[in-house]
Amino acid sequence: MLSIAIPSSSLLNESDEKLKTLKVGYIARAAAVFRVEEIIIYRDPKRDETSFIKEILEYLETPQYLRKSLFPLKNSLRYAGLLHPLAIPSHKPKDLKVGEVREGVVKYVAPDGTRWVDIGANALAPLKCNKPKGARVTVRVYSKNPLLVEEAKPEEYWGYKVVEMELEDVLSRRNVVVTSRRCGVPKLKDVRRDVTLVFGNPEEGVFEIAERMGLKVNAECWNIIPLQGTRTVRLEEAIFATLAVVNFLSYWGDGSW
C-alpha cells in the first residue's frame, strides 16, 4: 500500500484560509494522480490543524453527488469549490450504467433491516448490508428499473483514506521512509510502492520535528530531489516530486501496473 504522512503543521506558513485550502487541494491532487491509498496526518504540537486538513481531503475524495449528505455547510469548506476535482474512478456521473460500481451513502434503515442508499440517482436503492445510517458503501448496479444494487469491491483505484496518527506510531510502521535533503539518494532498486513516505512541514524536516518532540528517527531515508535549485522545496512540491519518482521506478521495476 502506498501511503503518505504529513504533519498537522503542514499549513504553518499560510495565514489566509483560501491559500490553506488551495495547498491542501494540491496535496489531494498529488495523492490521486499517483494513486495513494492512505493519507496520514500526524500530530505536531507546534500547530495542529488536523481537522481542517482532514475535512478538505475527505471532501475532495467524496463523489460530488454525496457531498451534501456527508458534509454540512461549514466555514472551513467555503473555498473548497475553488479546488480542482480529483476526477478519480469513484467520481461517477449521475447517469447510471448497469454493471458499474458506485459509491453511496446509507440514508435510511428500514424496520426489516434493508438499507436505502443514495447512489446519485433520482431514487434510493435497497441494499442488504449491516452499515449504519450515514455510512458510505460501495455497490454495483445490477438493475436500473427497478433500481437494485449489491455490495461490491472496486477493481481500480478508488481514492484514499485519511487517518490521524502520532508521529511515533508512523515511524514504527513497516516500510516507512523519511524524506529529507539530509539523506542520500536511494538506489533505484530500493524505490518501491509498498511504502509510507513521511514529510515535514514548511519550516522543519521530519528529523527536526521528531527531535523537538523527543523522538528518535530510525527509519530509511531518501533524498528524492538532489541538487535542488531552490533554497527550499515546498511541501506540496516535495510530495509531487517524490510520488512521481516512486511511480515511475515502480512501474519499470515490476511492470504490473
Protein backbone atom coordinates (compact mmCIF):
# COMPACT_ATOMS: atom_id res chain seq x y z
CA MET A 1 0.00 0.00 0.00
CA LEU A 2 1.26 3.46 -0.87
CA SER A 3 0.80 5.94 1.99
CA ILE A 4 1.98 9.46 2.67
CA ALA A 5 2.25 11.08 6.10
CA ILE A 6 2.07 14.84 6.55
CA PRO A 7 2.17 16.85 9.79
CA SER A 8 -0.73 18.76 11.30
CA SER A 9 1.55 21.80 10.89
CA SER A 10 1.60 21.45 7.08
CA LEU A 11 -0.06 24.86 6.68
CA LEU A 12 2.33 26.63 9.05
CA ASN A 13 3.31 29.34 6.56
CA GLU A 14 -0.21 30.09 5.38
CA SER A 15 -2.48 32.52 7.21
CA ASP A 16 -5.14 33.05 4.54
CA GLU A 17 -7.95 30.48 4.53
CA LYS A 18 -8.10 30.44 0.75
CA LEU A 19 -4.37 29.71 0.41
CA LYS A 20 -4.62 26.99 3.06
CA THR A 21 -7.44 25.36 1.13
CA LEU A 22 -5.52 25.54 -2.15
CA LYS A 23 -2.46 23.91 -0.58
CA VAL A 24 -4.48 21.00 0.75
CA GLY A 25 -6.05 20.71 -2.70
CA TYR A 26 -2.61 20.33 -4.29
CA ILE A 27 -1.77 17.55 -1.82
CA ALA A 28 -5.05 15.79 -2.61
CA ARG A 29 -4.38 16.05 -6.35
CA ALA A 30 -0.88 14.59 -5.92
CA ALA A 31 -2.29 11.69 -3.92
CA ALA A 32 -4.97 11.00 -6.53
CA VAL A 33 -2.68 11.32 -9.56
CA PHE A 34 -0.25 8.77 -8.17
CA ARG A 35 -2.87 6.51 -6.58
CA VAL A 36 -2.03 7.00 -2.93
CA GLU A 37 -4.28 4.78 -0.83
CA GLU A 38 -3.79 6.42 2.56
CA ILE A 39 -3.01 9.93 3.76
CA ILE A 40 -1.84 10.08 7.37
CA ILE A 41 -1.94 13.33 9.33
CA TYR A 42 0.45 13.08 12.24
CA ARG A 43 0.11 15.44 15.19
CA ASP A 44 2.66 18.22 15.55
CA PRO A 45 2.13 20.30 18.72
CA LYS A 46 3.68 23.34 17.01
CA ARG A 47 0.41 23.74 15.12
CA ASP A 48 -2.47 21.31 14.98
CA GLU A 49 -4.78 21.89 12.03
CA THR A 50 -5.67 18.25 11.66
CA SER A 51 -9.41 18.84 11.46
CA PHE A 52 -9.12 21.47 8.73
CA ILE A 53 -6.74 19.40 6.60
CA LYS A 54 -8.70 16.18 7.06
CA GLU A 55 -12.03 17.79 6.22
CA ILE A 56 -10.83 19.18 2.91
CA LEU A 57 -9.02 15.97 1.94
CA GLU A 58 -12.12 13.88 2.67
CA TYR A 59 -14.41 16.37 0.94
CA LEU A 60 -12.37 16.18 -2.26
CA GLU A 61 -12.22 12.37 -2.17
CA THR A 62 -16.02 12.13 -1.84
CA PRO A 63 -18.09 11.88 -5.06
CA GLN A 64 -19.82 15.18 -5.78
CA TYR A 65 -23.33 13.69 -5.53
CA LEU A 66 -22.71 12.57 -1.93
CA ARG A 67 -21.16 15.75 -0.54
CA LYS A 68 -24.39 17.40 0.58
CA SER A 69 -25.27 14.29 2.58
CA LEU A 70 -21.88 13.87 4.20
CA PHE A 71 -20.65 17.44 4.62
CA PRO A 72 -22.92 20.04 6.20
CA LEU A 73 -22.17 23.68 5.41
CA LYS A 74 -19.03 24.69 7.30
CA ASN A 75 -16.80 27.72 7.28
CA SER A 76 -13.74 25.52 6.71
CA LEU A 77 -15.16 24.37 3.36
CA ARG A 78 -16.14 27.77 2.00
CA TYR A 79 -13.29 27.80 -0.54
CA ALA A 80 -13.44 24.10 -1.41
CA GLY A 81 -15.41 24.92 -4.54
CA LEU A 82 -12.32 26.60 -5.99
CA LEU A 83 -10.32 23.36 -5.97
CA HIS A 84 -9.77 21.18 -8.99
CA PRO A 85 -11.85 17.98 -8.81
CA LEU A 86 -9.93 14.75 -8.33
CA ALA A 87 -11.80 13.03 -11.18
CA ILE A 88 -10.94 9.58 -9.81
CA PRO A 89 -12.88 6.47 -10.93
CA SER A 90 -15.24 6.60 -7.94
CA HIS A 91 -16.48 10.03 -9.05
CA LYS A 92 -19.18 8.83 -11.42
CA PRO A 93 -21.63 10.99 -13.36
CA LYS A 94 -25.30 10.84 -12.36
CA ASP A 95 -26.23 8.71 -15.38
CA LEU A 96 -26.35 5.12 -14.13
CA LYS A 97 -25.00 2.15 -16.05
CA VAL A 98 -25.87 -1.45 -15.28
CA GLY A 99 -22.78 -3.25 -14.02
CA GLU A 100 -20.91 -0.17 -12.86
CA VAL A 101 -19.51 0.20 -9.34
CA ARG A 102 -20.51 3.36 -7.47
CA GLU A 103 -20.16 4.97 -4.08
CA GLY A 104 -23.28 5.50 -1.97
CA VAL A 105 -24.36 6.58 1.48
CA VAL A 106 -26.95 4.89 3.70
CA LYS A 107 -29.84 7.34 4.07
CA TYR A 108 -32.40 5.19 5.86
CA VAL A 109 -32.58 1.86 7.70
CA ALA A 110 -35.97 0.16 7.28
CA PRO A 111 -37.59 -1.91 10.08
CA ASP A 112 -36.76 -5.11 8.17
CA GLY A 113 -33.07 -4.17 8.11
CA THR A 114 -32.94 -3.08 4.49
CA ARG A 115 -30.66 -0.12 3.93
CA TRP A 116 -31.84 2.52 1.48
CA VAL A 117 -28.84 4.01 -0.25
CA ASP A 118 -28.25 7.22 -2.17
CA ILE A 119 -26.03 6.46 -5.17
CA GLY A 120 -26.67 9.70 -7.02
CA ALA A 121 -29.85 8.52 -8.76
CA ASN A 122 -33.34 10.01 -8.61
CA ALA A 123 -34.40 7.26 -6.18
CA LEU A 124 -32.83 5.42 -3.26
CA ALA A 125 -31.63 1.86 -3.84
CA PRO A 126 -32.39 -1.02 -1.41
CA LEU A 127 -29.32 -2.83 -0.11
CA LYS A 128 -28.81 -5.77 2.23
CA CYS A 129 -25.88 -4.87 4.48
CA ASN A 130 -25.04 -4.05 8.10
CA LYS A 131 -23.85 -0.47 7.64
CA PRO A 132 -25.39 2.22 9.87
CA LYS A 133 -27.21 5.29 8.66
CA GLY A 134 -24.75 7.83 7.26
CA ALA A 135 -22.11 5.23 6.34
CA ARG A 136 -20.51 5.11 2.91
CA VAL A 137 -20.92 1.93 0.90
CA THR A 138 -19.55 0.68 -2.40
CA VAL A 139 -22.11 -1.01 -4.61
CA ARG A 140 -22.62 -2.47 -8.07
CA VAL A 141 -25.73 -1.55 -10.05
CA TYR A 142 -27.38 -4.68 -11.45
CA SER A 143 -30.74 -3.20 -12.42
CA LYS A 144 -31.92 0.29 -13.30
CA ASN A 145 -35.66 -0.36 -13.39
CA PRO A 146 -36.25 -1.22 -10.64
CA LEU A 147 -33.08 0.24 -9.11
CA LEU A 148 -31.19 -2.63 -7.46
CA VAL A 149 -27.64 -2.77 -6.13
CA GLU A 150 -25.33 -5.14 -4.27
CA GLU A 151 -22.18 -4.58 -2.23
CA ALA A 152 -19.04 -4.68 -4.34
CA LYS A 153 -15.30 -4.10 -4.26
CA PRO A 154 -13.77 -1.87 -6.94
CA GLU A 155 -11.07 -3.33 -9.17
CA GLU A 156 -9.47 0.05 -9.93
CA TYR A 157 -8.04 2.89 -7.90
CA TRP A 158 -10.88 4.19 -5.77
CA GLY A 159 -9.37 7.02 -3.75
CA TYR A 160 -7.57 7.48 -0.46
CA LYS A 161 -8.49 7.17 3.20
CA VAL A 162 -7.48 9.86 5.69
CA VAL A 163 -6.31 8.78 9.15
CA GLU A 164 -4.89 10.55 12.19
CA MET A 165 -1.79 9.19 13.91
CA GLU A 166 1.03 10.10 16.26
CA LEU A 167 4.45 10.57 14.65
CA GLU A 168 5.92 7.88 16.90
CA ASP A 169 3.42 5.38 15.53
CA VAL A 170 4.07 6.46 11.95
CA LEU A 171 7.82 5.94 12.36
CA SER A 172 7.26 2.46 13.80
CA ARG A 173 5.38 1.28 10.72
CA ARG A 174 6.71 -1.34 8.35
CA ASN A 175 8.37 0.07 5.22
CA VAL A 176 8.45 3.65 6.47
CA VAL A 177 10.67 6.12 4.61
CA VAL A 178 11.52 9.64 5.76
CA THR A 179 12.05 12.20 3.00
CA SER A 180 14.80 14.74 3.68
CA ARG A 181 17.57 16.66 1.93
CA ARG A 182 19.83 15.38 4.76
CA CYS A 183 19.73 11.92 3.27
CA GLY A 184 21.33 10.22 0.34
CA VAL A 185 19.75 9.46 -3.00
CA PRO A 186 18.21 5.97 -2.84
CA LYS A 187 19.38 3.20 -5.12
CA LEU A 188 16.92 2.63 -7.92
CA LYS A 189 16.24 -0.95 -6.80
CA ASP A 190 15.27 0.31 -3.31
CA VAL A 191 12.47 2.60 -4.52
CA ARG A 192 9.19 0.75 -4.14
CA ARG A 193 5.46 1.35 -3.98
CA ASP A 194 4.67 -0.52 -0.76
CA VAL A 195 5.87 2.28 1.49
CA THR A 196 4.82 5.05 3.88
CA LEU A 197 6.52 8.30 2.84
CA VAL A 198 6.88 10.79 5.70
CA PHE A 199 7.16 14.54 5.03
CA GLY A 200 7.95 17.52 7.25
CA ASN A 201 6.35 20.95 7.45
CA PRO A 202 7.33 24.12 5.55
CA GLU A 203 9.87 25.13 8.22
CA GLU A 204 11.20 21.84 9.56
CA GLY A 205 12.05 18.44 8.21
CA VAL A 206 10.94 15.21 9.82
CA PHE A 207 14.19 14.94 11.80
CA GLU A 208 13.73 18.41 13.29
CA ILE A 209 10.09 17.78 14.17
CA ALA A 210 10.95 14.44 15.77
CA GLU A 211 13.84 15.95 17.75
CA ARG A 212 11.57 18.72 19.06
CA MET A 213 9.11 16.04 20.18
CA GLY A 214 11.81 13.95 21.85
CA LEU A 215 11.66 11.17 19.27
CA LYS A 216 14.46 9.32 17.51
CA VAL A 217 14.18 8.55 13.82
CA ASN A 218 15.39 5.06 12.97
CA ALA A 219 13.94 4.75 9.51
CA GLU A 220 15.09 4.54 5.93
CA CYS A 221 15.63 7.99 4.46
CA TRP A 222 15.52 9.26 0.86
CA ASN A 223 16.54 12.49 -0.82
CA ILE A 224 14.43 12.44 -3.98
CA ILE A 225 15.39 15.97 -5.10
CA PRO A 226 19.20 16.08 -5.07
CA LEU A 227 20.90 19.24 -6.33
CA GLN A 228 17.72 21.24 -5.83
CA GLY A 229 17.87 24.65 -7.46
CA THR A 230 15.85 26.46 -4.80
CA ARG A 231 16.67 27.20 -1.18
CA THR A 232 13.67 25.23 -0.06
CA VAL A 233 11.16 22.82 -1.61
CA ARG A 234 7.54 23.41 -0.64
CA LEU A 235 5.67 20.51 0.92
CA GLU A 236 3.26 20.08 -1.99
CA GLU A 237 6.21 20.19 -4.42
CA ALA A 238 8.09 17.55 -2.44
CA ILE A 239 5.03 15.29 -2.44
CA PHE A 240 4.54 15.59 -6.20
CA ALA A 241 8.25 15.02 -6.90
CA THR A 242 8.59 12.04 -4.57
CA LEU A 243 5.44 10.31 -5.78
CA ALA A 244 6.43 10.84 -9.40
CA VAL A 245 9.76 9.08 -8.84
CA VAL A 246 8.14 6.23 -6.89
CA ASN A 247 5.50 5.83 -9.58
CA PHE A 248 7.99 5.78 -12.46
CA LEU A 249 10.52 3.45 -10.88
CA SER A 250 7.89 1.08 -9.51
CA TYR A 251 6.31 0.82 -12.95
CA TRP A 252 9.56 -0.21 -14.57
CA GLY A 253 10.50 -2.32 -11.58
CA ASP A 254 7.71 -4.87 -11.89
CA GLY A 255 5.63 -3.86 -14.89
CA SER A 256 2.44 -4.99 -13.16
CA TRP A 257 0.76 -1.62 -13.09
